Protein backbone atom coordinates (compact mmCIF):
# COMPACT_ATOMS: atom_id res chain seq x y z
CA MET A 1 136.71 37.47 143.37
CA LEU A 2 133.37 39.56 143.68
CA VAL A 3 129.92 37.45 144.91
CA VAL A 4 127.05 39.02 144.18
CA ILE A 5 123.53 38.06 146.77
CA PRO A 6 120.54 38.62 143.92
CA ALA A 7 118.04 39.34 145.48
CA ARG A 8 115.09 40.57 144.03
CA GLY A 9 112.36 42.65 146.14
CA GLY A 10 108.84 40.39 144.41
CA SER A 11 108.52 37.36 145.64
CA LYS A 12 104.88 35.57 144.98
CA GLY A 13 105.46 31.92 146.85
CA VAL A 14 106.50 34.12 150.08
CA PRO A 15 105.94 37.43 149.68
CA GLY A 16 109.09 39.63 151.58
CA LYS A 17 111.27 35.87 151.91
CA ASN A 18 114.08 37.45 151.06
CA ILE A 19 113.99 39.86 154.69
CA LYS A 20 111.71 38.11 156.39
CA GLU A 21 112.37 36.52 159.91
CA LEU A 22 113.76 32.99 160.20
CA GLY A 23 115.26 32.12 163.82
CA GLY A 24 115.45 36.04 164.50
CA LYS A 25 117.11 37.33 161.74
CA PRO A 26 116.51 37.94 157.88
CA LEU A 27 116.80 35.74 155.26
CA ILE A 28 119.36 37.09 153.55
CA GLN A 29 122.01 37.93 156.43
CA TYR A 30 122.62 34.37 156.55
CA THR A 31 124.15 34.53 152.93
CA ILE A 32 125.88 37.62 154.33
CA ASP A 33 127.22 35.66 156.92
CA ALA A 34 128.72 33.07 155.44
CA ALA A 35 129.84 35.96 152.67
CA ARG A 36 131.46 37.75 155.12
CA GLU A 37 133.28 34.50 156.80
CA ILE A 38 135.23 34.44 153.41
CA PHE A 39 135.49 38.15 151.96
CA ASP A 40 135.63 41.53 153.02
CA ASP A 41 133.24 44.02 152.72
CA LYS A 42 133.89 45.28 149.51
CA LYS A 43 134.18 41.61 147.73
CA ILE A 44 129.77 41.61 147.75
CA ILE A 45 127.25 43.49 146.17
CA VAL A 46 123.63 42.55 147.44
CA SER A 47 122.10 43.31 143.62
CA THR A 48 118.14 44.46 144.31
CA ASP A 49 115.80 46.84 143.37
CA SER A 50 114.41 47.47 146.77
CA GLU A 51 114.73 49.77 149.23
CA LYS A 52 112.99 48.04 151.78
CA ILE A 53 116.33 45.13 150.77
CA LYS A 54 118.70 47.85 150.71
CA THR A 55 117.79 49.45 153.69
CA SER A 56 117.13 45.76 155.91
CA VAL A 57 121.33 44.87 154.30
CA GLU A 58 122.70 48.16 155.12
CA SER A 59 121.36 47.99 158.40
CA LEU A 60 123.88 44.79 158.88
CA GLY A 61 125.84 46.68 157.67
CA LEU A 62 127.29 46.15 154.67
CA LYS A 63 126.77 48.68 151.23
CA VAL A 64 124.08 48.91 149.10
CA PRO A 65 125.97 50.81 146.12
CA PHE A 66 122.62 50.73 143.75
CA LEU A 67 119.48 49.71 143.22
CA ARG A 68 118.85 47.47 140.04
CA PRO A 69 116.62 48.57 137.31
CA ALA A 70 113.65 47.80 137.05
CA GLU A 71 113.94 45.09 133.64
CA LEU A 72 115.98 43.26 135.84
CA ALA A 73 113.70 42.93 138.73
CA THR A 74 111.08 41.32 136.83
CA ASP A 75 109.56 37.20 136.09
CA ALA A 76 111.40 36.84 133.06
CA SER A 77 114.70 38.76 133.97
CA GLY A 78 117.77 36.37 133.82
CA SER A 79 121.04 35.47 136.76
CA GLN A 80 123.33 36.39 133.79
CA GLU A 81 121.49 40.20 132.94
CA VAL A 82 121.77 40.81 136.79
CA LEU A 83 125.56 38.61 137.21
CA LEU A 84 126.56 41.44 134.56
CA HIS A 85 124.55 44.09 135.35
CA ALA A 86 126.42 43.94 139.39
CA LEU A 87 129.93 43.28 137.13
CA SER A 88 129.38 46.30 134.80
CA PHE A 89 129.19 48.27 138.26
CA VAL A 90 132.76 47.19 139.89
CA GLU A 91 134.23 47.62 135.48
CA SER A 92 133.01 51.46 135.98
CA LYS A 93 134.90 51.74 138.99
CA GLY A 94 138.08 49.91 138.18
CA ILE A 95 137.61 46.66 139.74
CA TYR A 96 137.19 44.16 136.88
CA PRO A 97 137.44 40.28 139.14
CA GLU A 98 138.37 37.19 137.04
CA THR A 99 135.72 34.78 138.86
CA LEU A 100 132.21 35.76 140.17
CA ILE A 101 130.33 34.64 142.48
CA LEU A 102 126.57 33.64 143.03
CA LEU A 103 125.43 33.02 145.92
CA GLN A 104 121.15 33.17 146.32
CA PRO A 105 119.52 34.60 149.91
CA THR A 106 117.35 31.34 149.61
CA SER A 107 119.48 28.78 151.02
CA PRO A 108 120.20 29.46 154.11
CA PHE A 109 121.51 26.43 155.22
CA ARG A 110 124.74 26.94 153.05
CA ASN A 111 127.62 28.53 155.32
CA ALA A 112 131.05 29.31 154.81
CA SER A 113 132.31 25.68 155.16
CA HIS A 114 130.57 25.10 151.43
CA ILE A 115 131.38 27.12 149.88
CA LYS A 116 135.07 26.89 151.20
CA GLU A 117 135.17 23.98 149.81
CA ALA A 118 133.56 24.18 145.98
CA LEU A 119 136.28 27.28 146.17
CA GLU A 120 138.63 24.32 146.19
CA LEU A 121 137.16 23.15 143.29
CA TYR A 122 137.59 26.09 140.80
CA ASN A 123 140.55 27.21 138.69
CA ASN A 124 140.16 29.18 135.45
CA ASP A 125 140.52 26.31 133.41
CA LEU A 126 136.99 26.49 134.79
CA ASP A 127 133.22 27.75 132.95
CA MET A 128 132.27 26.41 136.69
CA VAL A 129 131.92 25.57 140.27
CA VAL A 130 128.03 24.36 141.00
CA SER A 131 126.59 23.34 143.19
CA VAL A 132 124.27 19.89 143.79
CA LYS A 133 122.37 17.58 145.88
CA GLU A 134 122.04 13.87 144.75
CA THR A 135 118.23 13.76 143.40
CA LYS A 136 115.28 12.34 144.30
CA SER A 137 113.38 12.64 141.30
CA ASN A 138 115.11 10.13 139.51
CA PRO A 139 113.68 9.65 135.12
CA TYR A 140 115.27 5.84 134.71
CA TYR A 141 112.69 4.99 137.84
CA VAL A 142 110.22 8.10 139.39
CA LEU A 143 110.62 10.21 136.59
CA LYS A 144 107.51 10.11 133.63
CA GLU A 145 106.55 10.90 130.41
CA GLU A 146 103.88 10.11 128.06
CA ASN A 147 104.77 8.56 124.57
CA SER A 148 103.07 10.08 121.24
CA LEU A 149 100.56 6.66 121.99
CA GLY A 150 98.98 8.60 125.45
CA PHE A 151 100.79 6.21 127.67
CA LEU A 152 103.75 6.72 130.78
CA GLU A 153 107.32 5.60 129.75
CA ASN A 154 110.45 6.30 132.22
CA SER A 155 111.70 9.56 131.09
CA LYS A 156 115.06 7.88 130.66
CA LYS A 157 115.07 4.40 129.19
CA GLY A 158 117.42 1.75 132.12
CA ASN A 159 116.27 -0.84 132.86
CA PHE A 160 116.22 -0.89 136.04
CA THR A 161 114.50 -2.61 139.44
CA ARG A 162 115.34 -0.20 142.47
CA ARG A 163 116.38 2.75 142.38
CA GLN A 164 119.62 2.51 144.35
CA ASP A 165 121.05 0.42 140.96
CA CYS A 166 119.90 3.49 138.94
CA PRO A 167 122.87 5.42 137.48
CA GLU A 168 123.87 8.73 140.27
CA VAL A 169 121.64 11.99 139.10
CA LEU A 170 123.05 15.67 140.33
CA GLU A 171 120.36 18.18 140.65
CA LEU A 172 121.01 21.80 140.71
CA ASN A 173 120.79 23.38 144.34
CA GLY A 174 120.95 26.59 143.27
CA ALA A 175 123.22 27.30 146.31
CA ILE A 176 126.94 27.82 144.60
CA TYR A 177 127.63 29.33 141.26
CA ILE A 178 131.01 30.15 140.60
CA ILE A 179 131.84 31.44 137.24
CA ASN A 180 134.64 32.11 134.99
CA VAL A 181 134.09 35.89 133.89
CA LYS A 182 135.50 34.89 130.68
CA SER A 183 132.43 32.07 130.12
CA LEU A 184 130.23 34.33 131.65
CA LYS A 185 130.92 37.60 129.37
CA SER A 186 130.95 35.17 126.03
CA LYS A 187 128.13 32.72 126.50
CA GLN A 188 125.17 31.91 128.36
CA ILE A 189 125.60 29.88 130.35
CA SER A 190 123.32 26.57 129.47
CA GLU A 191 125.90 26.39 127.08
CA PHE A 192 128.13 25.59 130.20
CA THR A 193 130.17 22.98 129.14
CA LYS A 194 132.99 23.45 131.42
CA VAL A 195 131.18 22.28 134.90
CA LYS A 196 133.03 20.58 137.92
CA LYS A 197 129.80 19.53 140.69
CA TYR A 198 130.13 20.48 144.95
CA VAL A 199 127.91 17.61 146.49
CA MET A 200 125.76 18.78 149.04
CA ASN A 201 123.80 16.84 151.69
CA GLU A 202 119.52 17.18 151.35
CA VAL A 203 119.51 19.14 154.45
CA SER A 204 121.80 22.37 153.18
CA SER A 205 120.38 21.95 150.40
CA HIS A 206 117.02 22.94 151.27
CA ASP A 207 115.66 26.22 148.99
CA ILE A 208 113.61 28.55 150.07
CA ASP A 209 110.26 28.62 146.99
CA THR A 210 107.16 28.38 148.91
CA LYS A 211 105.29 28.05 151.83
CA MET A 212 105.79 24.90 152.13
CA ASP A 213 109.51 25.03 152.29
CA TRP A 214 109.70 28.43 154.54
CA LEU A 215 107.91 26.02 156.93
CA LEU A 216 110.35 23.27 156.41
CA ALA A 217 113.24 25.80 156.97
CA GLU A 218 111.31 27.06 160.20
CA ILE A 219 111.25 23.28 161.76
CA MET A 220 115.30 22.97 160.51
CA MET A 221 116.29 26.29 161.70
CA LYS A 222 114.81 25.23 165.84
CA ASP A 223 116.46 21.92 165.09
CA LEU A 224 119.71 23.18 165.14
CA ASN A 225 119.90 25.78 166.74
CA ASN A 226 118.60 23.12 170.24
CA GLU A 227 122.01 21.06 168.76
CA GLN A 228 124.14 23.83 168.73
CA LYS A 229 122.90 24.90 172.16
CA ALA A 230 123.53 20.81 173.49
CA LEU A 231 127.05 21.37 172.78
């Protein structure tokens, strides 16, 4: 098993977010700490193009074995290419994992328990287990598309007057991807068909992409710390 934590240096929404301090420690540390509760350091790779991120991660005692090449660190770079690069590196060292776990560093409220629960759902017959949350943007109810006449209509057809009557629609939250390496090598992730869900709640699903996301995370982290102190 191989854990990959991708951490690109460039970030337009929140500059330097992966090592920006949240609740007294770098954002990426929350993901590293969660992974370390389950896996040995030798099974965890932080894939980054940034010397600053490398230095920050290694100050936590986790060695960063390579710097990701520049062509895999642009806005257009896909996760699959980054994962295959990390996989190629460990295979060059004679290590051949059958399962790869992708943990985005922008999900600070995803913890070790979530990862363990998702792992319990995985088996080698699957392409992937992926974490999701129930979406508020239900296509049967609030999402609209413009038709050929220029009028708005529901994105997905359905005769529902209340949101709670609509079919459940799930949204990828970006926190956990448990991937079959054979599948990863043979087809695009978007082509996976044998995919199982691991459902997380709104708080644990919080992903940081914008300044607003960051501000909300700061409030959530303070509340969480205050709750823990009260115990």
